[in-house]
Protein backbone atom coordinates (compact mmCIF):
# COMPACT_ATOMS: atom_id res chain seq x y z
CA UNK A 1 -24.11 -19.08 76.35
CA UNK A 2 -20.71 -20.15 77.75
CA UNK A 3 -17.76 -17.80 77.59
CA UNK A 4 -15.66 -18.93 74.60
CA UNK A 5 -12.01 -18.08 74.92
CA UNK A 6 -9.28 -18.72 72.44
CA UNK A 7 -6.87 -21.45 73.52
CA UNK A 8 -3.49 -20.19 74.75
CA UNK A 9 -0.76 -19.83 72.13
CA UNK A 10 2.07 -22.35 72.60
CA UNK A 11 5.53 -20.84 73.29
CA UNK A 12 7.00 -21.96 69.98
CA UNK A 13 4.35 -19.98 68.05
CA UNK A 14 4.71 -16.76 70.03
CA UNK A 15 6.85 -13.99 68.55
CA UNK A 16 10.16 -13.24 70.22
CA UNK A 17 9.56 -10.58 72.88
CA UNK A 18 11.27 -7.24 72.37
CA UNK A 19 13.18 -6.61 75.56
CA UNK A 20 15.48 -3.87 76.73
CA UNK A 21 17.85 -6.35 78.39
CA UNK A 22 20.32 -8.30 76.26
CA UNK A 23 19.70 -11.94 75.43
CA UNK A 24 21.85 -14.30 77.47
CA UNK A 25 22.62 -17.98 77.14
CA UNK A 26 21.78 -20.60 79.75
CA UNK A 27 24.37 -21.03 82.47
CA UNK A 28 26.11 -24.40 82.67
CA UNK A 29 23.95 -25.30 85.68
CA UNK A 30 20.73 -24.36 83.89
CA UNK A 31 21.81 -26.27 80.80
CA UNK A 32 22.54 -29.39 82.86
CA UNK A 33 19.15 -29.07 84.56
CA UNK A 34 17.38 -28.79 81.19
CA UNK A 35 19.24 -31.86 79.95
CA UNK A 36 18.33 -33.79 83.11
CA UNK A 37 14.67 -32.79 82.73
CA UNK A 38 14.66 -33.94 79.09
CA UNK A 39 16.31 -37.25 79.98
CA UNK A 40 13.73 -37.84 82.75
CA UNK A 41 10.98 -37.28 80.18
CA UNK A 42 12.59 -39.75 77.76
CA UNK A 43 14.00 -37.25 75.28
CA UNK A 44 17.59 -37.23 74.02
CA UNK A 45 17.93 -33.46 73.98
CA UNK A 46 16.18 -30.62 75.82
CA UNK A 47 13.44 -28.90 73.85
CA UNK A 48 12.23 -25.30 74.04
CA UNK A 49 9.98 -25.98 77.03
CA UNK A 50 12.87 -27.57 78.99
CA UNK A 51 15.09 -24.57 78.20
CA UNK A 52 12.37 -22.07 79.19
CA UNK A 53 11.86 -23.96 82.45
CA UNK A 54 15.59 -23.96 83.19
CA UNK A 55 15.91 -20.25 82.39
CA UNK A 56 13.29 -19.42 85.05
CA UNK A 57 14.93 -21.49 87.80
CA UNK A 58 17.51 -20.21 90.25
CA UNK A 59 20.45 -22.52 90.79
CA UNK A 60 22.85 -22.84 93.69
CA UNK A 61 26.53 -23.53 93.31
CA UNK A 62 27.52 -26.84 91.69
CA UNK A 63 28.42 -28.29 95.09
CA UNK A 64 24.84 -28.33 96.34
CA UNK A 65 23.40 -31.67 97.37
CA UNK A 66 20.37 -31.54 95.06
CA UNK A 67 22.16 -30.87 91.75
CA UNK A 68 20.75 -31.20 89.19
CA UNK A 69 17.33 -30.30 90.58
CA UNK A 70 14.60 -32.88 90.28
CA UNK A 71 12.38 -32.26 87.27
CA UNK A 72 8.72 -31.62 88.05
CA UNK A 73 6.30 -34.49 87.59
CA UNK A 74 4.00 -34.26 84.60
């Protein structure tokens, strides 16, 4: 009999994690990257997945040559 696993829970259905560090907003660079990723995917505004992706990225100063970073290919 095959191993039956439950499908992963999507991020929007997961409860908010209880963390000891304070919640912070996206930096202007991260926000611009999320907006660029959403635009590349054909969306007007960034969704939760775009914002989560941008929050995990590390961004250089605004003067870097590859700003905003290229969104990953789907």
